[in-house]
């Protein structure tokens, strides 16, 4: 694990594949079991990917005990926007120069 993970920061910075989704889900589950009282920050700069992978990440975000704050730090297109919207209500943030676009899934 690196410094970001110890700080409960998960960065999704590429096209979302099943492998990337599995890694993100593993971090969410593993870190939430280690300490269920510390919340997560998920930084998103994702130009899309597999819909099933995004849905799996969104479902895992909903399932874990800690809240997940989502931040659009660049682009959140397609499944990236799905993950952004799956963040904790009231804790979904888009930086001023970020962009997003949702598709029909």
Protein backbone atom coordinates (compact mmCIF):
# COMPACT_ATOMS: atom_id res chain seq x y z
CA UNK A 1 0.00 0.00 0.00
CA UNK A 2 1.17 3.51 -0.64
CA UNK A 3 0.71 6.85 1.09
CA UNK A 4 -2.55 7.62 -0.75
CA UNK A 5 -4.15 4.42 0.48
CA UNK A 6 -3.03 5.02 4.06
CA UNK A 7 -4.73 8.41 3.76
CA UNK A 8 -7.88 6.72 2.42
CA UNK A 9 -7.47 8.35 -1.00
CA UNK A 10 -8.33 6.21 -4.02
CA UNK A 11 -7.41 7.60 -7.44
CA UNK A 12 -9.24 6.41 -10.56
CA UNK A 13 -7.11 7.99 -13.27
CA UNK A 14 -7.65 5.90 -16.37
CA UNK A 15 -10.22 4.02 -18.40
CA UNK A 16 -12.14 1.74 -16.05
CA UNK A 17 -11.51 -1.89 -16.89
CA UNK A 18 -12.57 -4.95 -14.92
CA UNK A 19 -9.04 -5.22 -13.52
CA UNK A 20 -9.02 -1.60 -12.31
CA UNK A 21 -12.51 -2.04 -10.84
CA UNK A 22 -11.39 -5.16 -8.96
CA UNK A 23 -8.44 -3.23 -7.51
CA UNK A 24 -10.67 -0.34 -6.42
CA UNK A 25 -13.21 -2.73 -4.89
CA UNK A 26 -10.44 -4.59 -3.06
CA UNK A 27 -9.14 -1.33 -1.59
CA UNK A 28 -12.61 -0.21 -0.51
CA UNK A 29 -13.41 -3.52 1.17
CA UNK A 30 -9.98 -4.14 2.69
CA UNK A 31 -9.50 -0.66 4.10
CA UNK A 32 -13.08 -0.43 5.36
CA UNK A 33 -12.69 -3.72 7.22
CA UNK A 34 -9.40 -2.51 8.71
CA UNK A 35 -11.05 0.65 10.07
CA UNK A 36 -14.75 1.20 9.35
CA UNK A 37 -14.79 4.66 10.98
CA UNK A 38 -12.48 6.44 8.52
CA UNK A 39 -14.09 7.75 5.34
CA UNK A 40 -12.69 7.61 1.81
CA UNK A 41 -11.91 10.27 -0.79
CA UNK A 42 -12.11 9.00 -4.36
CA UNK A 43 -10.42 11.22 -6.94
CA UNK A 44 -11.78 10.69 -10.45
CA UNK A 45 -10.13 11.52 -13.77
CA UNK A 46 -11.75 8.83 -15.91
CA UNK A 47 -12.68 9.02 -19.58
CA UNK A 48 -14.99 6.02 -19.48
CA UNK A 49 -14.69 2.27 -19.53
CA UNK A 50 -16.80 -0.80 -19.00
CA UNK A 51 -20.30 -0.13 -17.64
CA UNK A 52 -20.29 -3.37 -15.62
CA UNK A 53 -17.02 -2.35 -13.96
CA UNK A 54 -18.43 1.05 -13.02
CA UNK A 55 -21.62 -0.45 -11.64
CA UNK A 56 -19.58 -2.90 -9.55
CA UNK A 57 -17.51 -0.05 -8.07
CA UNK A 58 -20.66 2.01 -7.37
CA UNK A 59 -22.32 -0.95 -5.64
CA UNK A 60 -19.22 -1.54 -3.51
CA UNK A 61 -19.10 2.15 -2.55
CA UNK A 62 -22.68 1.83 -1.33
CA UNK A 63 -21.98 -1.42 0.50
CA UNK A 64 -18.94 -0.42 2.60
CA UNK A 65 -19.56 1.23 5.96
CA UNK A 66 -17.39 4.38 5.58
CA UNK A 67 -18.70 7.25 3.48
CA UNK A 68 -17.07 7.79 0.10
CA UNK A 69 -16.57 11.40 -1.00
CA UNK A 70 -16.07 11.66 -4.76
CA UNK A 71 -14.10 14.42 -6.45
CA UNK A 72 -13.95 15.07 -10.19
CA UNK A 73 -10.39 16.35 -10.60
CA UNK A 74 -10.28 16.29 -14.41
CA UNK A 75 -12.81 14.39 -16.47
CA UNK A 76 -15.65 12.10 -15.46
CA UNK A 77 -17.12 10.70 -18.66
CA UNK A 78 -19.48 7.75 -18.99
CA UNK A 79 -18.82 5.33 -16.10
CA UNK A 80 -16.57 7.97 -14.52
CA UNK A 81 -19.67 10.12 -14.05
CA UNK A 82 -21.54 7.11 -12.66
CA UNK A 83 -18.86 6.65 -9.99
CA UNK A 84 -18.87 10.39 -9.26
CA UNK A 85 -22.64 10.29 -8.68
CA UNK A 86 -22.31 7.18 -6.48
CA UNK A 87 -20.46 9.19 -3.84
CA UNK A 88 -22.01 10.09 -0.52
CA UNK A 89 -24.93 12.50 -0.89
CA UNK A 90 -23.66 16.00 -0.15
CA UNK A 91 -20.04 14.95 -0.72
CA UNK A 92 -19.85 14.90 -4.52
CA UNK A 93 -17.43 17.54 -5.72
CA UNK A 94 -16.35 18.77 -9.15
CA UNK A 95 -13.33 21.05 -9.37
CA UNK A 96 -13.96 24.32 -11.27
CA UNK A 97 -12.05 23.27 -14.41
CA UNK A 98 -13.25 19.67 -14.47
CA UNK A 99 -15.73 18.29 -16.98
CA UNK A 100 -18.19 15.45 -17.05
CA UNK A 101 -20.65 13.73 -19.31
CA UNK A 102 -23.11 10.94 -18.68
CA UNK A 103 -24.31 8.36 -21.18
CA UNK A 104 -27.25 6.00 -21.08
CA UNK A 105 -26.05 2.79 -19.44
